[in-house]
C-alpha atoms as a PDB file:
ATOM      1  CA  MET A   1       2.708  -8.359   5.357  1.00  0.00           C
ATOM      2  CA  PRO A   2       6.269  -7.022   5.031  1.00  0.00           C
ATOM      3  CA  LEU A   3       7.043  -4.228   7.442  1.00  0.00           C
ATOM      4  CA  SER A   4       8.472  -2.184   4.553  1.00  0.00           C
ATOM      5  CA  VAL A   5       4.980  -1.822   3.065  1.00  0.00           C
ATOM      6  CA  ARG A   6       3.842  -0.183   6.291  1.00  0.00           C
ATOM      7  CA  SER A   7       6.876   2.094   6.278  1.00  0.00           C
ATOM      8  CA  LEU A   8       6.234   3.111   2.682  1.00  0.00           C
ATOM      9  CA  ILE A   9       2.583   3.908   3.399  1.00  0.00           C
ATOM     10  CA  ALA A  10       3.523   5.952   6.477  1.00  0.00           C
ATOM     11  CA  ASP A  11       6.224   7.855   4.593  1.00  0.00           C
ATOM     12  CA  CYS A  12       3.982   8.655   1.623  1.00  0.00           C
ATOM     13  CA  VAL A  13       1.226  10.043   3.855  1.00  0.00           C
ATOM     14  CA  ASN A  14       3.755  12.071   5.836  1.00  0.00           C
ATOM     15  CA  GLN A  15       5.419  13.508   2.720  1.00  0.00           C
ATOM     16  CA  VAL A  16       2.146  14.646   1.161  1.00  0.00           C
ATOM     17  CA  ILE A  17       0.783  16.262   4.317  1.00  0.00           C
ATOM     18  CA  ARG A  18       4.057  18.013   5.163  1.00  0.00           C
ATOM     19  CA  GLN A  19       4.296  19.317   1.608  1.00  0.00           C
ATOM     20  CA  HIS A  20       0.857  20.929   1.841  1.00  0.00           C
ATOM     21  CA  TYR A  21       1.041  21.981   5.504  1.00  0.00           C
ATOM     22  CA  PRO A  22       4.733  22.594   6.322  1.00  0.00           C
ATOM     23  CA  GLU A  23       3.937  24.659   9.431  1.00  0.00           C
ATOM     24  CA  GLN A  24       0.832  22.846  10.675  1.00  0.00           C
ATOM     25  CA  TYR A  25       1.546  19.154  10.170  1.00  0.00           C
ATOM     26  CA  GLN A  26       2.192  18.500  13.880  1.00  0.00           C
ATOM     27  CA  SER A  27      -1.388  19.442  14.705  1.00  0.00           C
ATOM     28  CA  LEU A  28      -3.144  17.676  11.826  1.00  0.00           C
ATOM     29  CA  CYS A  29      -3.629  14.218  13.295  1.00  0.00           C
ATOM     30  CA  HIS A  30      -7.104  14.027  11.729  1.00  0.00           C
ATOM     31  CA  VAL A  31      -5.661  14.558   8.247  1.00  0.00           C
ATOM     32  CA  TYR A  32      -3.086  11.816   8.843  1.00  0.00           C
ATOM     33  CA  ALA A  33      -5.868   9.540  10.092  1.00  0.00           C
ATOM     34  CA  ILE A  34      -8.202  10.159   7.147  1.00  0.00           C
ATOM     35  CA  VAL A  35      -5.615  10.095   4.365  1.00  0.00           C
ATOM     36  CA  GLY A  36      -3.789   7.225   6.038  1.00  0.00           C
ATOM     37  CA  SER A  37      -6.896   5.073   6.461  1.00  0.00           C
ATOM     38  CA  ASN A  38      -7.791   5.713   2.828  1.00  0.00           C
ATOM     39  CA  LEU A  39      -4.339   4.743   1.539  1.00  0.00           C
ATOM     40  CA  ILE A  40      -4.074   1.647   3.732  1.00  0.00           C
ATOM     41  CA  SER A  41      -7.531   0.521   2.605  1.00  0.00           C
ATOM     42  CA  ILE A  42      -6.593   0.968  -1.047  1.00  0.00           C
ATOM     43  CA  VAL A  43      -3.218  -0.750  -0.876  1.00  0.00           C
ATOM     44  CA  LEU A  44      -4.230  -3.670   1.348  1.00  0.00           C
ATOM     45  CA  ASP A  45      -7.778  -4.068  -0.009  1.00  0.00           C
ATOM     46  CA  ARG A  46      -9.162  -4.017   3.516  1.00  0.00           C
ATOM     47  CA  VAL A  47     -11.302  -1.584   5.530  1.00  0.00           C
ATOM     48  CA  TYR A  48      -9.645   0.915   7.861  1.00  0.00           C
ATOM     49  CA  ARG A  49     -11.311   3.952   9.401  1.00  0.00           C
ATOM     50  CA  PRO A  50     -10.184   7.240  10.961  1.00  0.00           C
ATOM     51  CA  VAL A  51     -10.896   7.503  14.697  1.00  0.00           C
ATOM     52  CA  ALA A  52     -11.104  10.555  16.964  1.00  0.00           C
ATOM     53  CA  GLY A  53     -11.041  10.710  20.744  1.00  0.00           C
ATOM     54  CA  LEU A  54      -8.752  11.097  23.735  1.00  0.00           C
ATOM     55  CA  ALA A  55      -5.103  10.109  24.148  1.00  0.00           C
ATOM     56  CA  ALA A  56      -2.158  10.142  26.524  1.00  0.00           C
ATOM     57  CA  VAL A  57       1.500   9.861  25.501  1.00  0.00           C
ATOM     58  CA  ASP A  58       4.399   9.010  27.805  1.00  0.00           C
ATOM     59  CA  CYS A  59       6.996  11.787  27.525  1.00  0.00           C
ATOM     60  CA  GLY A  60       9.356  10.178  30.043  1.00  0.00           C
ATOM     61  CA  LYS A  61      10.278  10.905  33.672  1.00  0.00           C
ATOM     62  CA  GLY A  62       6.693  10.269  34.780  1.00  0.00           C
ATOM     63  CA  ARG A  63       5.261  13.005  32.570  1.00  0.00           C
ATOM     64  CA  LEU A  64       2.235  12.300  30.396  1.00  0.00           C
ATOM     65  CA  MET A  65       1.115  14.490  27.513  1.00  0.00           C
ATOM     66  CA  CYS A  66      -2.671  14.245  27.842  1.00  0.00           C
ATOM     67  CA  MET A  67      -5.022  15.148  25.012  1.00  0.00           C
ATOM     68  CA  MET A  68      -8.238  14.726  26.940  1.00  0.00           C
ATOM     69  CA  ASP A  69     -10.467  17.655  25.984  1.00  0.00           C
ATOM     70  CA  ASN A  70     -13.579  15.888  24.754  1.00  0.00           C
ATOM     71  CA  ALA A  71     -15.416  19.230  24.671  1.00  0.00           C
ATOM     72  CA  ALA A  72     -13.004  20.321  21.931  1.00  0.00           C
ATOM     73  CA  PHE A  73     -15.032  18.396  19.364  1.00  0.00           C
ATOM     74  CA  THR A  74     -17.912  20.846  19.717  1.00  0.00           C
ATOM     75  CA  ASN A  75     -15.808  23.918  20.509  1.00  0.00           C
ATOM     76  CA  PRO A  76     -15.049  26.152  17.480  1.00  0.00           C
ATOM     77  CA  ALA A  77     -11.744  27.066  19.135  1.00  0.00           C
ATOM     78  CA  GLY A  78     -10.701  23.399  19.212  1.00  0.00           C
ATOM     79  CA  GLY A  79      -8.628  21.847  21.971  1.00  0.00           C
ATOM     80  CA  ALA A  80      -6.495  18.854  22.912  1.00  0.00           C
ATOM     81  CA  TYR A  81      -7.670  15.599  21.310  1.00  0.00           C
ATOM     82  CA  HIS A  82      -6.142  12.942  19.074  1.00  0.00           C
ATOM     83  CA  CYS A  83      -6.951  10.985  15.918  1.00  0.00           C
ATOM     84  CA  TRP A  84      -5.660   7.626  14.739  1.00  0.00           C
ATOM     85  CA  ILE A  85      -6.631   4.666  12.519  1.00  0.00           C
ATOM     86  CA  GLU A  86      -8.278   1.327  13.266  1.00  0.00           C
ATOM     87  CA  SER A  87      -9.112  -1.690  11.132  1.00  0.00           C
ATOM     88  CA  ALA A  88     -12.848  -2.086  10.612  1.00  0.00           C
ATOM     89  CA  ASP A  89     -13.188  -5.540   9.082  1.00  0.00           C
ATOM     90  CA  ASP A  90     -13.101  -9.054  10.495  1.00  0.00           C
ATOM     91  CA  LEU A  91     -10.227 -10.445   8.435  1.00  0.00           C
ATOM     92  CA  ILE A  92      -8.036 -10.813  11.517  1.00  0.00           C
ATOM     93  CA  ALA A  93      -8.894 -11.917  15.038  1.00  0.00           C
ATOM     94  CA  GLU A  94      -7.866  -8.680  16.736  1.00  0.00           C
ATOM     95  CA  ARG A  95      -8.412  -5.073  15.705  1.00  0.00           C
ATOM     96  CA  GLU A  96      -5.361  -3.266  14.338  1.00  0.00           C
ATOM     97  CA  VAL A  97      -4.410   0.215  15.510  1.00  0.00           C
ATOM     98  CA  VAL A  98      -2.302   2.580  13.414  1.00  0.00           C
ATOM     99  CA  ASP A  99      -0.916   5.960  14.505  1.00  0.00           C
ATOM    100  CA  LEU A 100       0.944   7.698  11.676  1.00  0.00           C
ATOM    101  CA  THR A 101       1.674  10.829  13.730  1.00  0.00           C
ATOM    102  CA  PHE A 102       3.728   9.066  16.395  1.00  0.00           C
ATOM    103  CA  ARG A 103       6.923  10.350  14.773  1.00  0.00           C
ATOM    104  CA  HIS A 104       5.927  13.902  15.734  1.00  0.00           C
ATOM    105  CA  ASN A 105       5.270  13.267  19.441  1.00  0.00           C
ATOM    106  CA  HIS A 106       8.593  14.679  20.638  1.00  0.00           C
ATOM    107  CA  GLU A 107       8.167  17.840  18.558  1.00  0.00           C
ATOM    108  CA  TYR A 108       4.568  18.316  19.694  1.00  0.00           C
ATOM    109  CA  ALA A 109       5.507  17.723  23.334  1.00  0.00           C
ATOM    110  CA  GLU A 110       8.352  20.255  23.234  1.00  0.00           C
ATOM    111  CA  LYS A 111       6.204  22.803  21.422  1.00  0.00           C
ATOM    112  CA  ASN A 112       3.447  22.530  24.026  1.00  0.00           C
ATOM    113  CA  GLY A 113       5.642  22.654  27.121  1.00  0.00           C
ATOM    114  CA  PHE A 114       5.640  18.983  28.120  1.00  0.00           C
ATOM    115  CA  GLY A 115       9.248  18.292  27.261  1.00  0.00           C
ATOM    116  CA  TRP A 116      10.518  14.977  25.922  1.00  0.00           C
ATOM    117  CA  HIS A 117      12.703  12.683  28.041  1.00  0.00           C
ATOM    118  CA  ARG A 118      12.648   9.427  26.090  1.00  0.00           C
ATOM    119  CA  GLU A 119      14.354   8.082  23.006  1.00  0.00           C
ATOM    120  CA  LEU A 120      12.973   9.512  19.777  1.00  0.00           C
ATOM    121  CA  PRO A 121       9.647   7.814  18.979  1.00  0.00           C
ATOM    122  CA  PRO A 122       9.277   5.429  16.032  1.00  0.00           C
ATOM    123  CA  ASP A 123       7.866   6.863  12.832  1.00  0.00           C
ATOM    124  CA  TYR A 124       4.519   5.161  13.416  1.00  0.00           C
ATOM    125  CA  LEU A 125       2.666   2.581  15.472  1.00  0.00           C
ATOM    126  CA  TRP A 126       0.926  -0.275  13.660  1.00  0.00           C
ATOM    127  CA  GLY A 127      -0.168  -3.564  15.138  1.00  0.00           C
ATOM    128  CA  PRO A 128      -2.731  -5.447  17.223  1.00  0.00           C
ATOM    129  CA  GLN A 129      -4.625  -3.258  19.659  1.00  0.00           C
ATOM    130  CA  SER A 130      -3.372  -5.234  22.662  1.00  0.00           C
ATOM    131  CA  SER A 131       0.264  -4.535  21.782  1.00  0.00           C
ATOM    132  CA  ILE A 132      -0.188  -0.802  21.165  1.00  0.00           C
ATOM    133  CA  VAL A 133      -2.970   0.563  23.368  1.00  0.00           C
ATOM    134  CA  VAL A 134      -2.534   0.768  27.147  1.00  0.00           C
ATOM    135  CA  LYS A 135      -5.587  -0.788  28.765  1.00  0.00           C
ATOM    136  CA  ALA A 136      -6.844   1.512  31.539  1.00  0.00           C
ATOM    137  CA  SER A 137      -9.798   3.705  32.393  1.00  0.00           C
ATOM    138  CA  PRO A 138      -9.336   7.473  32.053  1.00  0.00           C
ATOM    139  CA  GLN A 139      -9.135   7.676  35.853  1.00  0.00           C
ATOM    140  CA  ALA A 140      -6.436   4.992  36.148  1.00  0.00           C
ATOM    141  CA  ILE A 141      -3.944   5.742  33.374  1.00  0.00           C
ATOM    142  CA  PRO A 142      -0.456   4.682  34.541  1.00  0.00           C
ATOM    143  CA  LYS A 143       2.304   7.295  34.778  1.00  0.00           C
ATOM    144  CA  SER A 144       4.534   5.489  32.298  1.00  0.00           C
ATOM    145  CA  PHE A 145       3.992   3.193  29.316  1.00  0.00           C
ATOM    146  CA  PRO A 146       6.136   0.509  27.690  1.00  0.00           C
ATOM    147  CA  ASP A 147       7.942   1.603  24.532  1.00  0.00           C
ATOM    148  CA  GLY A 148       5.676   1.679  21.513  1.00  0.00           C
ATOM    149  CA  MET A 149       2.442   2.019  23.457  1.00  0.00           C
ATOM    150  CA  VAL A 150      -0.079   4.821  23.884  1.00  0.00           C
ATOM    151  CA  TRP A 151      -3.374   5.303  25.719  1.00  0.00           C
ATOM    152  CA  LEU A 152      -6.339   5.866  23.376  1.00  0.00           C
ATOM    153  CA  CYS A 153     -10.090   6.156  23.824  1.00  0.00           C
ATOM    154  CA  GLU A 154     -12.620   6.868  21.080  1.00  0.00           C
ATOM    155  CA  THR A 155     -15.609   9.005  22.123  1.00  0.00           C
ATOM    156  CA  ASP A 156     -19.054   9.601  20.662  1.00  0.00           C
ATOM    157  CA  GLU A 157     -18.219  13.282  20.286  1.00  0.00           C
ATOM    158  CA  GLY A 158     -15.034  12.383  18.437  1.00  0.00           C
ATOM    159  CA  TRP A 159     -16.905  10.070  16.075  1.00  0.00           C
ATOM    160  CA  ALA A 160     -19.492  12.750  15.250  1.00  0.00           C
ATOM    161  CA  TRP A 161     -16.741  15.336  14.696  1.00  0.00           C
ATOM    162  CA  MET A 162     -14.836  13.002  12.382  1.00  0.00           C
ATOM    163  CA  MET A 163     -17.956  12.382  10.306  1.00  0.00           C
ATOM    164  CA  ARG A 164     -18.423  16.151   9.960  1.00  0.00           C
ATOM    165  CA  GLN A 165     -14.814  16.544   8.834  1.00  0.00           C
ATOM    166  CA  LEU A 166     -15.240  13.853   6.192  1.00  0.00           C
ATOM    167  CA  ALA A 167     -18.432  15.413   4.874  1.00  0.00           C
ATOM    168  CA  THR A 168     -17.219  19.012   4.915  1.00  0.00           C
ATOM    169  CA  HIS A 169     -13.764  18.470   3.418  1.00  0.00           C
ATOM    170  CA  GLN A 170     -14.387  15.436   1.245  1.00  0.00           C
ATOM    171  CA  ASN A 171     -12.846  16.880  -1.920  1.00  0.00           C
ATOM    172  CA  ALA A 172      -9.655  17.908  -0.141  1.00  0.00           C
ATOM    173  CA  PHE A 173      -9.245  14.460   1.422  1.00  0.00           C
ATOM    174  CA  VAL A 174      -9.827  12.749  -1.927  1.00  0.00           C
ATOM    175  CA  ALA A 175      -7.132  14.946  -3.517  1.00  0.00           C
ATOM    176  CA  LEU A 176      -4.622  14.286  -0.719  1.00  0.00           C
ATOM    177  CA  THR A 177      -5.324  10.553  -0.864  1.00  0.00           C
ATOM    178  CA  ALA A 178      -4.803  10.532  -4.629  1.00  0.00           C
ATOM    179  CA  GLU A 179      -1.448  12.274  -4.180  1.00  0.00           C
ATOM    180  CA  ALA A 180      -0.356   9.826  -1.499  1.00  0.00           C
ATOM    181  CA  TYR A 181      -1.385   6.840  -3.629  1.00  0.00           C
ATOM    182  CA  LYS A 182       0.452   8.219  -6.656  1.00  0.00           C
ATOM    183  CA  LEU A 183       3.570   8.673  -4.531  1.00  0.00           C
ATOM    184  CA  PHE A 184       3.191   5.108  -3.256  1.00  0.00           C
ATOM    185  CA  GLN A 185       2.953   3.761  -6.808  1.00  0.00           C
ATOM    186  CA  GLN A 186       5.967   5.796  -7.911  1.00  0.00           C
ATOM    187  CA  SER A 187       7.983   4.368  -5.010  1.00  0.00           C
ATOM    188  CA  LEU A 188       7.451   0.788  -6.213  1.00  0.00           C
ATOM    189  CA  THR A 189       9.835  -0.488  -8.859  1.00  0.00           C
ATOM    190  CA  PRO A 190       8.459  -2.642 -11.687  1.00  0.00           C
ATOM    191  CA  THR A 191      10.053  -5.697 -10.057  1.00  0.00           C
ATOM    192  CA  SER A 192       9.000  -4.869  -6.503  1.00  0.00           C
ATOM    193  CA  THR A 193       7.692  -7.791  -4.447  1.00  0.00           C
ATOM    194  CA  LEU A 194       6.368  -5.665  -1.574  1.00  0.00           C
ATOM    195  CA  LEU A 195       2.799  -6.576  -2.439  1.00  0.00           C
ATOM    196  CA  ALA A 196       3.527 -10.227  -3.198  1.00  0.00           C
ATOM    197  CA  PRO A 197       2.100 -12.764  -3.801  1.00  0.00           C
ATOM    198  CA  ALA A 198      -0.383 -10.686  -5.777  1.00  0.00           C
ATOM    199  CA  ALA A 199      -1.333  -7.060  -5.908  1.00  0.00           C
ATOM    200  CA  PRO A 200      -4.711  -6.397  -4.266  1.00  0.00           C
ATOM    201  CA  HIS A 201      -7.760  -5.092  -6.033  1.00  0.00           C
ATOM    202  CA  ILE A 202      -7.321  -1.317  -6.209  1.00  0.00           C
ATOM    203  CA  ALA A 203     -10.233   0.875  -5.271  1.00  0.00           C
ATOM    204  CA  THR A 204     -10.211   4.565  -6.091  1.00  0.00           C
ATOM    205  CA  PRO A 205      -9.504   7.121  -3.346  1.00  0.00           C
ATOM    206  CA  ALA A 206     -12.963   8.586  -3.886  1.00  0.00           C
ATOM    207  CA  THR A 207     -14.563   5.209  -3.237  1.00  0.00           C
ATOM    208  CA  VAL A 208     -12.764   4.857   0.069  1.00  0.00           C
ATOM    209  CA  VAL A 209     -13.717   8.300   1.343  1.00  0.00           C
ATOM    210  CA  MET A 210     -17.332   7.933   0.260  1.00  0.00           C
ATOM    211  CA  ALA A 211     -17.541   4.577   2.007  1.00  0.00           C
ATOM    212  CA  ALA A 212     -16.606   6.272   5.260  1.00  0.00           C
ATOM    213  CA  LEU A 213     -19.468   8.779   5.110  1.00  0.00           C
END
């Protein structure tokens, strides 16, 4: 799959969410995960799902930004957690991990007092789990990660919370997905070969969201 297809998907999701939430987008990882998994599933005709759990990001100089508050998923006041996307089919040998909010890590770190001492992060992470996710227990997370890697851990509480979000805000997620898909279509020229050799079967955004419930 051409890398430019991934970039276009990531940019369309980012544009739509920032348009609707210009002040909050840095803290809406679950919206990026839900809308992003829907759009990827539609465009690639595969199954991707939104995931919620714990995360740690390397901010540089031995400083980790940890989002490890698993109790936040049952706390009305919220807390520090993270959401991302994973493939959920068996079309490839290894699970894919996608993080469409990676571009905001430096902003989020500065805003929350962690500071940022690395090069600016890439716009997104997308690839095999082994090349993106640092393998370590929560008690043994290293103090620094290779470029383009992050520590992630789905939890039962995160899964239950994500299911509640999908059920409670289904109509809003369908609308955002439809906007992102329309933007994606508008970004393709009539002669575009990004989806070559043949365009996939196109499901509707509503179908994708309902399948996740």
